Structure formats: C-alpha cells, structure tokens
Amino acid sequence: MSRSSKKGPYIDPKLIKKVLKQKQMGDKSPIKTWARASVISPELVGYTMAIHNGKNFINVFITEGMVGHKLGEFSPTRTFRTHGRVVAREISKT
C-alpha cells in the first residue's frame, strides 16, 4: 500500500538541513545519511549521497531519473553469493 497523496512524500528533516547547509557553503562532498526511507526530491539532484546499507556507506550520485524513488533502493543491503556448484567427482559416481 502506498503513502496517502495528501500527506506528500517523506523526506527526513535532518537530511533536508544537511542539503541546505551544503548548498549555502557550495560544498560538493558526499552527504552521509541513514535515512533510507526518504524519497528523492528534485532538491537532491546533483548531490552525492553516502547511503548506509547496514555495514558501510555507498556513494550514490543523484540524477533526475532517480526523483520519486527512495534512497534505500540504490544501496543494496544483501550480497548474492552463487548457489552451490556440482562437483565433477559427484557427477562421475552416478
């Protein structure tokens, strides 16, 4: 179920403060955030965000195509390791 349209998109207030502060200073260093549930707004376009994935931070450059998506979508939390392989020795026994 999606969020009610009358409420508007969720953007973490601390994240907005960090972006506005960087805009004033003219700094382009990555903005660290743990707010994976925040929706990407047009104000974030052009900034690099360091999004936490539970273990470390992943740098993501925000583009116009990402507007409307959540920050967590671009910082995967799980790594896929391949499924078990069939050993040649087991094949020869059958």
Protein backbone atom coordinates (compact mmCIF):
# COMPACT_ATOMS: atom_id res chain seq x y z
CA MET A 1 0.00 0.00 0.00
CA SER A 2 1.43 3.39 -0.95
CA ARG A 3 1.54 6.55 1.11
CA SER A 4 -1.51 8.84 1.06
CA SER A 5 -1.19 11.58 -1.57
CA LYS A 6 -2.50 14.23 0.82
CA LYS A 7 0.46 13.61 3.17
CA GLY A 8 3.11 14.09 0.50
CA PRO A 9 6.45 12.28 0.19
CA TYR A 10 8.53 11.51 3.28
CA ILE A 11 11.87 13.31 3.43
CA ASP A 12 13.93 13.16 6.63
CA PRO A 13 14.12 16.68 8.18
CA LYS A 14 17.80 16.23 9.10
CA LEU A 15 18.59 15.29 5.51
CA ILE A 16 16.95 18.49 4.23
CA LYS A 17 19.01 20.53 6.72
CA LYS A 18 22.23 18.87 5.54
CA VAL A 19 21.42 19.58 1.88
CA LEU A 20 20.51 23.23 2.54
CA LYS A 21 23.70 23.70 4.58
CA GLN A 22 25.82 22.27 1.76
CA LYS A 23 24.00 24.44 -0.77
CA GLN A 24 24.90 27.56 1.24
CA MET A 25 28.55 26.56 1.58
CA GLY A 26 28.85 25.41 -2.04
CA ASP A 27 30.40 22.14 -0.88
CA LYS A 28 30.01 19.03 -3.08
CA SER A 29 31.32 16.35 -0.67
CA PRO A 30 29.09 13.29 -0.06
CA ILE A 31 26.23 13.75 2.42
CA LYS A 32 26.14 10.86 4.92
CA THR A 33 22.66 9.55 5.67
CA TRP A 34 20.99 6.64 7.40
CA ALA A 35 17.54 7.75 6.13
CA ARG A 36 16.98 5.04 3.53
CA ALA A 37 13.19 5.57 3.59
CA SER A 38 13.46 9.18 2.36
CA VAL A 39 12.08 9.90 -1.10
CA ILE A 40 14.44 11.60 -3.55
CA SER A 41 13.18 15.10 -4.31
CA PRO A 42 14.31 17.49 -7.08
CA GLU A 43 16.36 19.46 -4.49
CA LEU A 44 18.70 16.47 -4.10
CA VAL A 45 19.59 16.23 -7.82
CA GLY A 46 23.29 16.83 -8.43
CA TYR A 47 24.46 15.85 -4.94
CA THR A 48 26.37 12.74 -3.92
CA MET A 49 24.78 10.86 -1.03
CA ALA A 50 26.60 8.32 1.16
CA ILE A 51 23.75 5.92 1.92
CA HIS A 52 24.17 3.41 4.76
CA ASN A 53 23.48 -0.22 3.87
CA GLY A 54 23.76 -1.64 7.38
CA LYS A 55 27.51 -2.18 7.26
CA ASN A 56 29.09 0.72 5.38
CA PHE A 57 28.22 3.74 3.25
CA ILE A 58 27.75 3.54 -0.52
CA ASN A 59 28.24 6.73 -2.55
CA VAL A 60 25.38 7.41 -4.97
CA PHE A 61 25.23 10.41 -7.34
CA ILE A 62 21.61 11.61 -7.58
CA THR A 63 20.27 12.19 -11.11
CA GLU A 64 16.89 13.35 -12.43
CA GLY A 65 15.84 9.79 -13.23
CA MET A 66 16.00 8.90 -9.53
CA VAL A 67 13.42 11.50 -8.43
CA GLY A 68 10.46 9.79 -6.74
CA HIS A 69 12.43 6.70 -5.71
CA LYS A 70 13.66 6.02 -2.18
CA LEU A 71 17.33 6.37 -1.21
CA GLY A 72 17.48 2.76 0.01
CA GLU A 73 16.77 1.44 -3.48
CA PHE A 74 20.25 2.47 -4.61
CA SER A 75 22.17 0.96 -1.68
CA PRO A 76 21.71 -2.83 -1.62
CA THR A 77 21.84 -4.45 1.81
CA ARG A 78 22.44 -8.04 0.73
CA THR A 79 25.15 -9.59 -1.42
CA PHE A 80 24.27 -12.57 -3.59
CA ARG A 81 26.75 -15.42 -3.42
CA THR A 82 26.33 -18.07 -6.11
CA HIS A 83 24.36 -21.22 -5.43
CA GLY A 84 26.28 -24.41 -4.66
CA ARG A 85 28.19 -25.94 -7.55
CA VAL A 86 28.06 -29.57 -8.62
CA VAL A 87 31.49 -31.10 -8.12
CA ALA A 88 32.84 -33.12 -11.07
CA ARG A 89 33.64 -36.02 -8.72
CA GLU A 90 29.96 -36.40 -7.77
CA ILE A 91 28.91 -36.49 -11.43
CA SER A 92 31.34 -39.33 -12.26
CA LYS A 93 29.95 -41.52 -9.42
CA THR A 94 26.43 -41.57 -10.84
